[in-house]
């Protein structure tokens, strides 16, 4: 689904960017240009990013078995 109509950014592109290391809305904006025009997509993009980060936490394990903690974005 399109999240940012202005720059034709989809939820899958956001999830892929998170999988490649994006952890903030600024990182997504720099990479995908999401939220850089009208800004109406920022909250949706942030929600998708947070969801993707949480999903990735289940996949990734840290040395010593520690569980990563999400910090506010």
Protein backbone atom coordinates (compact mmCIF):
# COMPACT_ATOMS: atom_id res chain seq x y z
CA UNK A 1 0.00 0.00 0.00
CA UNK A 2 1.16 3.53 -0.64
CA UNK A 3 2.07 5.40 2.52
CA UNK A 4 3.51 8.53 0.92
CA UNK A 5 1.61 9.53 -2.18
CA UNK A 6 3.83 12.56 -2.85
CA UNK A 7 6.95 10.38 -3.25
CA UNK A 8 5.29 7.04 -4.12
CA UNK A 9 6.65 5.24 -1.02
CA UNK A 10 5.04 1.94 -0.02
CA UNK A 11 4.87 0.11 3.29
CA UNK A 12 7.07 -2.62 1.80
CA UNK A 13 9.77 -0.07 0.99
CA UNK A 14 9.65 1.19 4.58
CA UNK A 15 9.91 -2.37 5.92
CA UNK A 16 12.86 -3.05 3.61
CA UNK A 17 14.62 0.13 4.76
CA UNK A 18 14.16 -0.94 8.38
CA UNK A 19 15.54 -4.39 7.55
CA UNK A 20 18.57 -2.62 6.07
CA UNK A 21 19.12 -0.57 9.24
CA UNK A 22 16.83 2.46 9.27
CA UNK A 23 15.71 3.12 12.85
CA UNK A 24 14.25 6.62 12.72
CA UNK A 25 11.87 8.71 10.68
CA UNK A 26 14.82 10.91 9.70
CA UNK A 27 16.63 7.87 8.30
CA UNK A 28 13.53 6.90 6.32
CA UNK A 29 13.16 10.46 5.04
CA UNK A 30 16.79 10.56 3.93
CA UNK A 31 16.60 7.20 2.20
CA UNK A 32 13.07 7.14 0.79
CA UNK A 33 12.01 10.81 0.96
CA UNK A 34 8.92 9.76 2.94
CA UNK A 35 7.34 12.72 4.73
CA UNK A 36 9.40 15.36 2.94
CA UNK A 37 6.58 17.06 0.99
CA UNK A 38 3.22 17.59 2.66
CA UNK A 39 4.06 15.53 5.77
CA UNK A 40 0.64 13.89 6.13
CA UNK A 41 2.21 10.42 5.89
CA UNK A 42 4.66 10.82 8.78
CA UNK A 43 2.52 9.21 11.48
CA UNK A 44 1.65 6.22 9.27
CA UNK A 45 5.29 5.82 8.22
CA UNK A 46 6.38 5.95 11.87
CA UNK A 47 3.81 3.28 12.83
CA UNK A 48 4.99 0.98 10.04
CA UNK A 49 8.62 1.56 11.04
CA UNK A 50 7.89 0.71 14.68
CA UNK A 51 6.02 -2.42 13.65
CA UNK A 52 8.90 -3.49 11.40
CA UNK A 53 11.42 -2.83 14.18
CA UNK A 54 9.42 -5.01 16.57
CA UNK A 55 9.15 -7.78 13.98
CA UNK A 56 12.90 -7.61 13.36
CA UNK A 57 13.59 -7.89 17.10
CA UNK A 58 12.06 -11.35 17.03
CA UNK A 59 14.38 -12.34 14.20
CA UNK A 60 17.61 -10.80 15.46
CA UNK A 61 19.42 -12.01 18.53
CA UNK A 62 22.09 -10.11 20.36
CA UNK A 63 25.31 -11.61 21.75
CA UNK A 64 24.82 -13.06 25.21
CA UNK A 65 21.10 -13.59 24.58
CA UNK A 66 20.19 -10.03 25.52
CA UNK A 67 16.90 -8.72 24.19
CA UNK A 68 17.13 -5.41 22.32
CA UNK A 69 14.98 -2.59 23.66
CA UNK A 70 13.14 -0.13 21.41
CA UNK A 71 13.71 3.49 22.26
CA UNK A 72 11.15 6.17 21.41
CA UNK A 73 11.44 7.60 17.90
